C-alpha atoms as a PDB file:
ATOM      1  CA  UNK A   1     -36.337  47.043 252.423  1.00  0.00           C
ATOM      2  CA  UNK A   2     -36.284  47.301 256.592  1.00  0.00           C
ATOM      3  CA  UNK A   3     -39.108  47.489 258.677  1.00  0.00           C
ATOM      4  CA  UNK A   4     -39.578  51.152 259.396  1.00  0.00           C
ATOM      5  CA  UNK A   5     -39.955  51.489 255.613  1.00  0.00           C
ATOM      6  CA  UNK A   6     -42.609  49.017 255.613  1.00  0.00           C
ATOM      7  CA  UNK A   7     -44.221  50.352 258.045  1.00  0.00           C
ATOM      8  CA  UNK A   8     -44.500  53.621 256.662  1.00  0.00           C
ATOM      9  CA  UNK A   9     -45.407  52.251 253.407  1.00  0.00           C
ATOM     10  CA  UNK A  10     -48.528  50.079 255.584  1.00  0.00           C
ATOM     11  CA  UNK A  11     -49.013  53.269 257.269  1.00  0.00           C
ATOM     12  CA  UNK A  12     -49.580  55.694 254.675  1.00  0.00           C
ATOM     13  CA  UNK A  13     -51.922  53.683 252.413  1.00  0.00           C
ATOM     14  CA  UNK A  14     -53.912  52.324 255.667  1.00  0.00           C
ATOM     15  CA  UNK A  15     -54.695  54.199 258.656  1.00  0.00           C
ATOM     16  CA  UNK A  16     -53.569  52.113 261.324  1.00  0.00           C
ATOM     17  CA  UNK A  17     -54.201  52.257 265.367  1.00  0.00           C
ATOM     18  CA  UNK A  18     -51.832  49.527 265.920  1.00  0.00           C
ATOM     19  CA  UNK A  19     -48.925  48.455 263.423  1.00  0.00           C
ATOM     20  CA  UNK A  20     -45.946  46.033 264.757  1.00  0.00           C
ATOM     21  CA  UNK A  21     -43.707  44.127 262.266  1.00  0.00           C
ATOM     22  CA  UNK A  22     -40.965  41.989 262.113  1.00  0.00           C
ATOM     23  CA  UNK A  23     -38.866  40.354 259.982  1.00  0.00           C
ATOM     24  CA  UNK A  24     -35.207  39.245 258.467  1.00  0.00           C
ATOM     25  CA  UNK A  25     -35.917  41.529 255.333  1.00  0.00           C
ATOM     26  CA  UNK A  26     -37.433  39.612 253.370  1.00  0.00           C
ATOM     27  CA  UNK A  27     -40.271  37.342 255.273  1.00  0.00           C
ATOM     28  CA  UNK A  28     -42.377  39.784 257.571  1.00  0.00           C
ATOM     29  CA  UNK A  29     -44.688  39.368 259.987  1.00  0.00           C
ATOM     30  CA  UNK A  30     -47.301  42.323 260.425  1.00  0.00           C
ATOM     31  CA  UNK A  31     -49.945  42.997 263.427  1.00  0.00           C
ATOM     32  CA  UNK A  32     -52.347  45.380 262.024  1.00  0.00           C
ATOM     33  CA  UNK A  33     -55.103  46.689 263.843  1.00  0.00           C
ATOM     34  CA  UNK A  34     -57.714  49.297 261.709  1.00  0.00           C
ATOM     35  CA  UNK A  35     -60.798  50.676 261.690  1.00  0.00           C
ATOM     36  CA  UNK A  36     -61.131  50.031 257.937  1.00  0.00           C
ATOM     37  CA  UNK A  37     -60.874  46.462 258.251  1.00  0.00           C
ATOM     38  CA  UNK A  38     -64.631  47.196 260.188  1.00  0.00           C
ATOM     39  CA  UNK A  39     -67.208  44.894 257.918  1.00  0.00           C
ATOM     40  CA  UNK A  40     -64.385  43.261 256.168  1.00  0.00           C
ATOM     41  CA  UNK A  41     -63.746  39.635 255.498  1.00  0.00           C
ATOM     42  CA  UNK A  42     -60.084  37.972 256.165  1.00  0.00           C
ATOM     43  CA  UNK A  43     -59.150  38.146 252.202  1.00  0.00           C
ATOM     44  CA  UNK A  44     -60.482  41.636 252.199  1.00  0.00           C
ATOM     45  CA  UNK A  45     -58.621  43.038 254.888  1.00  0.00           C
ATOM     46  CA  UNK A  46     -55.431  41.511 253.127  1.00  0.00           C
ATOM     47  CA  UNK A  47     -56.295  43.416 249.907  1.00  0.00           C
ATOM     48  CA  UNK A  48     -56.070  46.343 251.555  1.00  0.00           C
ATOM     49  CA  UNK A  49     -52.872  45.658 253.384  1.00  0.00           C
ATOM     50  CA  UNK A  50     -51.288  44.357 250.205  1.00  0.00           C
ATOM     51  CA  UNK A  51     -52.761  47.213 248.134  1.00  0.00           C
ATOM     52  CA  UNK A  52     -50.409  49.685 250.288  1.00  0.00           C
ATOM     53  CA  UNK A  53     -47.241  47.858 249.043  1.00  0.00           C
ATOM     54  CA  UNK A  54     -48.500  48.744 245.100  1.00  0.00           C
ATOM     55  CA  UNK A  55     -45.820  46.070 242.916  1.00  0.00           C
ATOM     56  CA  UNK A  56     -43.249  45.667 246.298  1.00  0.00           C
ATOM     57  CA  UNK A  57     -44.983  41.969 246.240  1.00  0.00           C
ATOM     58  CA  UNK A  58     -44.482  41.184 242.612  1.00  0.00           C
ATOM     59  CA  UNK A  59     -40.785  43.003 242.445  1.00  0.00           C
ATOM     60  CA  UNK A  60     -39.631  40.857 245.493  1.00  0.00           C
ATOM     61  CA  UNK A  61     -38.630  43.608 247.745  1.00  0.00           C
ATOM     62  CA  UNK A  62     -41.352  42.113 250.375  1.00  0.00           C
ATOM     63  CA  UNK A  63     -40.992  38.643 249.498  1.00  0.00           C
ATOM     64  CA  UNK A  64     -43.550  37.578 251.914  1.00  0.00           C
ATOM     65  CA  UNK A  65     -45.767  39.017 254.613  1.00  0.00           C
ATOM     66  CA  UNK A  66     -47.916  36.823 256.785  1.00  0.00           C
ATOM     67  CA  UNK A  67     -50.731  39.162 258.619  1.00  0.00           C
ATOM     68  CA  UNK A  68     -52.987  39.395 261.345  1.00  0.00           C
ATOM     69  CA  UNK A  69     -55.707  42.085 261.051  1.00  0.00           C
ATOM     70  CA  UNK A  70     -58.290  43.154 263.935  1.00  0.00           C
ATOM     71  CA  UNK A  71     -60.307  46.115 264.137  1.00  0.00           C
ATOM     72  CA  UNK A  72     -60.047  48.184 267.363  1.00  0.00           C
ATOM     73  CA  UNK A  73     -62.623  45.716 268.878  1.00  0.00           C
ATOM     74  CA  UNK A  74     -61.331  42.812 267.748  1.00  0.00           C
ATOM     75  CA  UNK A  75     -57.464  44.442 269.019  1.00  0.00           C
ATOM     76  CA  UNK A  76     -59.467  45.574 272.672  1.00  0.00           C
ATOM     77  CA  UNK A  77     -61.080  41.907 273.497  1.00  0.00           C
ATOM     78  CA  UNK A  78     -57.592  40.099 272.613  1.00  0.00           C
ATOM     79  CA  UNK A  79     -56.311  42.439 275.808  1.00  0.00           C
END
């Protein structure tokens, strides 16, 4: 899987204001900003992202995905 395919999967299942990916085809790091993260704890945010991938983690299409998740307000505060 390449970065564009992974981005498309995440964006199709989760409205993102910002989505950046880095990786080598198996190990990925994502920075994701979404209003859907409002009121969600870290583990809940991660579950939302993993849900966009379906069984691709289980079938090893995506071996590892590390992520930083932000609400729009949290992202603005980072800048």
